[in-house]
Each structure stands twice: as C-alpha cells, then as structure tokens.
C-alpha atoms as a PDB file:
ATOM      1  CA  MET A   1      18.097   8.394 -22.223  1.00  0.00           C
ATOM      2  CA  SER A   2      16.259   5.953 -20.120  1.00  0.00           C
ATOM      3  CA  ALA A   3      15.595   2.438 -20.938  1.00  0.00           C
ATOM      4  CA  THR A   4      11.891   1.217 -21.059  1.00  0.00           C
ATOM      5  CA  ILE A   5      11.135  -1.756 -18.688  1.00  0.00           C
ATOM      6  CA  SER A   6       8.380  -4.203 -20.036  1.00  0.00           C
ATOM      7  CA  ARG A   7       5.134  -4.962 -18.141  1.00  0.00           C
ATOM      8  CA  GLU A   8       6.789  -8.323 -17.200  1.00  0.00           C
ATOM      9  CA  GLU A   9       9.699  -6.973 -15.683  1.00  0.00           C
ATOM     10  CA  TRP A  10       7.937  -4.362 -13.603  1.00  0.00           C
ATOM     11  CA  LEU A  11       5.444  -7.138 -12.373  1.00  0.00           C
ATOM     12  CA  SER A  12       8.347  -9.454 -11.810  1.00  0.00           C
ATOM     13  CA  GLU A  13      10.160  -6.646  -9.698  1.00  0.00           C
ATOM     14  CA  LEU A  14       6.953  -6.421  -7.748  1.00  0.00           C
ATOM     15  CA  GLU A  15       6.698  -9.896  -7.112  1.00  0.00           C
ATOM     16  CA  ARG A  16      10.372 -10.058  -5.765  1.00  0.00           C
ATOM     17  CA  VAL A  17       9.699  -7.275  -3.304  1.00  0.00           C
ATOM     18  CA  MET A  18       6.478  -8.203  -2.249  1.00  0.00           C
ATOM     19  CA  ALA A  19       7.491 -12.565  -1.967  1.00  0.00           C
ATOM     20  CA  PRO A  20       8.485 -12.157   1.673  1.00  0.00           C
ATOM     21  CA  ARG A  21       4.704 -11.076   2.620  1.00  0.00           C
ATOM     22  CA  ARG A  22       3.092 -14.150   1.156  1.00  0.00           C
ATOM     23  CA  GLY A  23       1.005 -15.573   3.465  1.00  0.00           C
ATOM     24  CA  THR A  24       0.711 -12.866   5.802  1.00  0.00           C
ATOM     25  CA  LEU A  25      -2.564 -10.449   6.181  1.00  0.00           C
ATOM     26  CA  ASP A  26      -0.838  -7.401   5.867  1.00  0.00           C
ATOM     27  CA  GLY A  27       0.885  -5.798   2.716  1.00  0.00           C
ATOM     28  CA  LEU A  28       3.012  -3.353   1.980  1.00  0.00           C
ATOM     29  CA  THR A  29       2.695   0.253   1.709  1.00  0.00           C
ATOM     30  CA  ALA A  30       3.891   2.220  -1.459  1.00  0.00           C
ATOM     31  CA  THR A  31       6.824   3.680   0.765  1.00  0.00           C
ATOM     32  CA  GLU A  32       7.832   0.045   1.680  1.00  0.00           C
ATOM     33  CA  ILE A  33       7.664  -1.016  -1.536  1.00  0.00           C
ATOM     34  CA  ALA A  34       9.732   1.950  -3.173  1.00  0.00           C
ATOM     35  CA  VAL A  35      12.673   1.289  -0.448  1.00  0.00           C
ATOM     36  CA  GLN A  36      12.694  -2.677  -0.978  1.00  0.00           C
ATOM     37  CA  ALA A  37      12.574  -1.937  -4.915  1.00  0.00           C
ATOM     38  CA  ASN A  38      15.087   1.233  -4.479  1.00  0.00           C
ATOM     39  CA  ILE A  39      13.195   3.021  -6.813  1.00  0.00           C
ATOM     40  CA  PRO A  40      10.992   6.469  -6.228  1.00  0.00           C
ATOM     41  CA  ARG A  41       7.744   6.738  -4.313  1.00  0.00           C
ATOM     42  CA  SER A  42       6.273   8.024  -7.136  1.00  0.00           C
ATOM     43  CA  ARG A  43       7.522   5.116  -9.578  1.00  0.00           C
ATOM     44  CA  ALA A  44       6.066   2.367  -6.994  1.00  0.00           C
ATOM     45  CA  LEU A  45       2.801   4.143  -7.273  1.00  0.00           C
ATOM     46  CA  VAL A  46       2.563   4.043 -11.135  1.00  0.00           C
ATOM     47  CA  LEU A  47       3.549   0.559 -10.944  1.00  0.00           C
ATOM     48  CA  LEU A  48       0.840  -0.168  -8.322  1.00  0.00           C
ATOM     49  CA  GLY A  49      -1.715   1.536 -10.481  1.00  0.00           C
ATOM     50  CA  ARG A  50      -0.681  -0.674 -13.385  1.00  0.00           C
ATOM     51  CA  ALA A  51      -0.898  -3.888 -11.189  1.00  0.00           C
ATOM     52  CA  ARG A  52      -4.452  -2.581 -10.151  1.00  0.00           C
ATOM     53  CA  ASP A  53      -5.190  -2.231 -14.024  1.00  0.00           C
ATOM     54  CA  GLN A  54      -4.082  -5.848 -14.614  1.00  0.00           C
ATOM     55  CA  GLY A  55      -6.469  -7.028 -12.026  1.00  0.00           C
ATOM     56  CA  ARG A  56      -3.309  -8.152  -9.680  1.00  0.00           C
ATOM     57  CA  LEU A  57      -3.760  -5.957  -6.704  1.00  0.00           C
ATOM     58  CA  GLN A  58      -5.141  -6.581  -3.452  1.00  0.00           C
ATOM     59  CA  MET A  59      -5.446  -3.130  -1.543  1.00  0.00           C
ATOM     60  CA  GLY A  60      -6.126  -3.134   2.355  1.00  0.00           C
ATOM     61  CA  ARG A  61      -5.143  -0.537   5.422  1.00  0.00           C
ATOM     62  CA  LYS A  62      -2.490  -1.135   8.211  1.00  0.00           C
ATOM     63  CA  PRO A  63      -1.766   0.388  11.227  1.00  0.00           C
ATOM     64  CA  ILE A  64       1.557   2.093  11.401  1.00  0.00           C
ATOM     65  CA  VAL A  65       3.590   3.915  13.955  1.00  0.00           C
ATOM     66  CA  GLY A  66       5.068   7.181  12.590  1.00  0.00           C
ATOM     67  CA  ILE A  67       8.845   8.669  13.497  1.00  0.00           C
ATOM     68  CA  ASP A  68       6.870  11.031  16.124  1.00  0.00           C
ATOM     69  CA  GLY A  69       4.931   7.900  17.937  1.00  0.00           C
ATOM     70  CA  ARG A  70       1.754   8.925  16.367  1.00  0.00           C
ATOM     71  CA  GLN A  71      -0.378   5.963  14.931  1.00  0.00           C
ATOM     72  CA  ALA A  72      -2.006   6.004  11.643  1.00  0.00           C
ATOM     73  CA  THR A  73      -3.731   3.676   9.380  1.00  0.00           C
ATOM     74  CA  VAL A  74      -2.607   3.805   5.899  1.00  0.00           C
ATOM     75  CA  PRO A  75      -3.374   1.900   2.628  1.00  0.00           C
ATOM     76  CA  CYS A  76      -1.194  -1.170   1.620  1.00  0.00           C
ATOM     77  CA  TYR A  77      -0.897  -3.561  -1.256  1.00  0.00           C
ATOM     78  CA  ARG A  78      -0.451  -7.153  -1.957  1.00  0.00           C
ATOM     79  CA  LEU A  79       0.318  -8.622  -5.502  1.00  0.00           C
ATOM     80  CA  VAL A  80      -2.322 -11.246  -6.514  1.00  0.00           C
ATOM     81  CA  PRO A  81      -0.357 -13.907  -8.210  1.00  0.00           C
ATOM     82  CA  ALA A  82      -1.237 -14.520 -11.760  1.00  0.00           C
ATOM     83  CA  SER A  83      -3.165 -17.785 -11.041  1.00  0.00           C
ATOM     84  CA  GLU A  84      -5.628 -15.792  -9.027  1.00  0.00           C
ATOM     85  CA  GLN A  85      -5.838 -12.624 -11.631  1.00  0.00           C
ATOM     86  CA  ARG A  86      -8.826 -10.802 -11.664  1.00  0.00           C
ATOM     87  CA  ARG A  87     -10.386  -9.349 -14.790  1.00  0.00           C
ATOM     88  CA  PRO A  88      -8.509  -6.380 -15.514  1.00  0.00           C
ATOM     89  CA  ILE A  89      -9.944  -3.031 -14.829  1.00  0.00           C
ATOM     90  CA  SER A  90      -8.967  -1.202 -18.364  1.00  0.00           C
ATOM     91  CA  ASP A  91      -6.666  -2.160 -21.358  1.00  0.00           C
ATOM     92  CA  LYS A  92      -4.236   0.605 -20.275  1.00  0.00           C
ATOM     93  CA  LYS A  93      -0.465  -0.570 -20.967  1.00  0.00           C
END
C-alpha cells in the first residue's frame, strides 16, 4: 500500500528541487525535475499539472542538446512563490 502525499508535501518537494534555479531565467524540464526529486518523469508531470492548476507554475521553453548532438527547444517550468501565486485554473485536488 502506498502512502498518500499531501498537496503541501509535493509543493514543498517541487520548491526544494527548483530552489537552486530561483533568480535564473530558465526553468527545469520535467526530466530534470524527476531526476533531482528521484521520482518517475510521469509523476513529475502529474505534480507539475497540479502546480499549474494552483496557479503556481510558470512555463517556458529552453534549448537543450541531446545525447546525439541534436539541438531542440523543450518545455521548462518554474514554480511561482506562494506570495506571487496566480488565481487557480480549477478546484482540482
């Protein structure tokens, strides 16, 4: 049986993972968040969706270079501090 994680706990974890990026212009990709938080990428995407629904997510794009040398522009994310929180998109829990 898996334990339930509260909204506050996952927001706290996202804040911890994204804290080193505060003050920078680029955010983290879902893969980078998953690696740093030691969770599956699919779980990171669920948590990012919840942060978006709460008005706490700023989305952008950033260039990366793949292992094969190809350049791509991928989605990246930054968590907005609670003091700057936007109105939630929905009441999802």
